[in-house]
Amino acid sequence: MKPLNAKYTQILWMNVVLLSGGVGYLVYKKFDGNILYGAGAALVIGGLEYVVMGASLRRKQHKEDEVAK
């Protein structure tokens, strides 16, 4: 599949940053300011979100490209 266009790349990165930042902050607060737990949670959630949301957006972009033809 082709790489994501600019529109979907922006959507992907905004979702990854917001979700991982939010979860990382909540874990950081839950474990009394343990920065490593917060950073680890943000990294794991960000990685999962990037893979899953990236696949979903690639599929959506592919459908849009087929309809445009």
Protein backbone atom coordinates (compact mmCIF):
# COMPACT_ATOMS: atom_id res chain seq x y z
CA MET A 1 0.00 0.00 0.00
CA LYS A 2 0.99 3.58 -0.55
CA PRO A 3 2.12 5.74 2.35
CA LEU A 4 -0.44 8.00 3.97
CA ASN A 5 -1.11 11.38 2.43
CA ALA A 6 -0.64 14.59 4.43
CA LYS A 7 -4.23 14.73 5.69
CA TYR A 8 -4.17 11.24 7.18
CA THR A 9 -0.62 11.60 8.48
CA GLN A 10 -1.69 14.63 10.52
CA ILE A 11 -4.72 12.77 11.87
CA LEU A 12 -2.55 9.80 12.82
CA TRP A 13 0.08 11.81 14.67
CA MET A 14 -2.44 13.97 16.51
CA ASN A 15 -4.23 10.85 17.74
CA VAL A 16 -0.97 9.20 18.80
CA VAL A 17 0.29 12.27 20.66
CA LEU A 18 -2.99 13.03 22.43
CA LEU A 19 -3.78 9.47 23.45
CA SER A 20 -0.28 8.53 24.59
CA GLY A 21 0.18 11.83 26.41
CA GLY A 22 -3.12 11.47 28.22
CA VAL A 23 -2.56 7.87 29.24
CA GLY A 24 1.04 8.58 30.24
CA TYR A 25 -0.09 11.45 32.45
CA LEU A 26 -2.81 9.37 34.11
CA VAL A 27 -0.36 6.55 34.85
CA TYR A 28 2.18 9.09 36.14
CA LYS A 29 -0.40 10.50 38.55
CA LYS A 30 -1.70 7.07 39.57
CA PHE A 31 1.75 5.82 40.61
CA ASP A 32 2.66 8.88 42.69
CA GLY A 33 4.83 10.65 40.15
CA ASN A 34 6.83 7.68 38.86
CA ILE A 35 8.05 9.10 35.56
CA LEU A 36 9.25 5.75 34.22
CA TYR A 37 5.80 4.17 34.54
CA GLY A 38 4.22 7.16 32.83
CA ALA A 39 6.76 7.20 30.01
CA GLY A 40 6.50 3.44 29.53
CA ALA A 41 2.72 3.57 29.36
CA ALA A 42 2.88 6.45 26.87
CA LEU A 43 5.36 4.55 24.71
CA VAL A 44 3.33 1.35 24.66
CA ILE A 45 -0.01 3.05 24.03
CA GLY A 46 1.54 5.34 21.40
CA GLY A 47 3.07 2.39 19.56
CA LEU A 48 -0.16 0.42 19.57
CA GLU A 49 -2.17 3.44 18.45
CA TYR A 50 0.28 4.14 15.63
CA VAL A 51 0.03 0.60 14.27
CA VAL A 52 -3.73 0.15 14.62
CA MET A 53 -4.79 3.66 13.57
CA GLY A 54 -2.23 3.67 10.74
CA ALA A 55 -3.69 0.48 9.30
CA SER A 56 -7.21 1.85 9.60
CA LEU A 57 -6.32 5.13 7.91
CA ARG A 58 -4.43 3.36 5.11
CA ARG A 59 -7.50 1.23 4.44
CA LYS A 60 -9.71 4.34 4.42
CA GLN A 61 -7.35 6.18 2.07
CA HIS A 62 -7.25 3.17 -0.24
CA LYS A 63 -11.06 3.13 -0.42
CA GLU A 64 -11.13 6.86 -1.19
CA ASP A 65 -8.56 6.40 -3.95
CA GLU A 66 -10.60 3.60 -5.52
CA VAL A 67 -13.78 5.70 -5.46
CA ALA A 68 -11.94 8.63 -7.05
CA LYS A 69 -10.86 6.49 -10.02
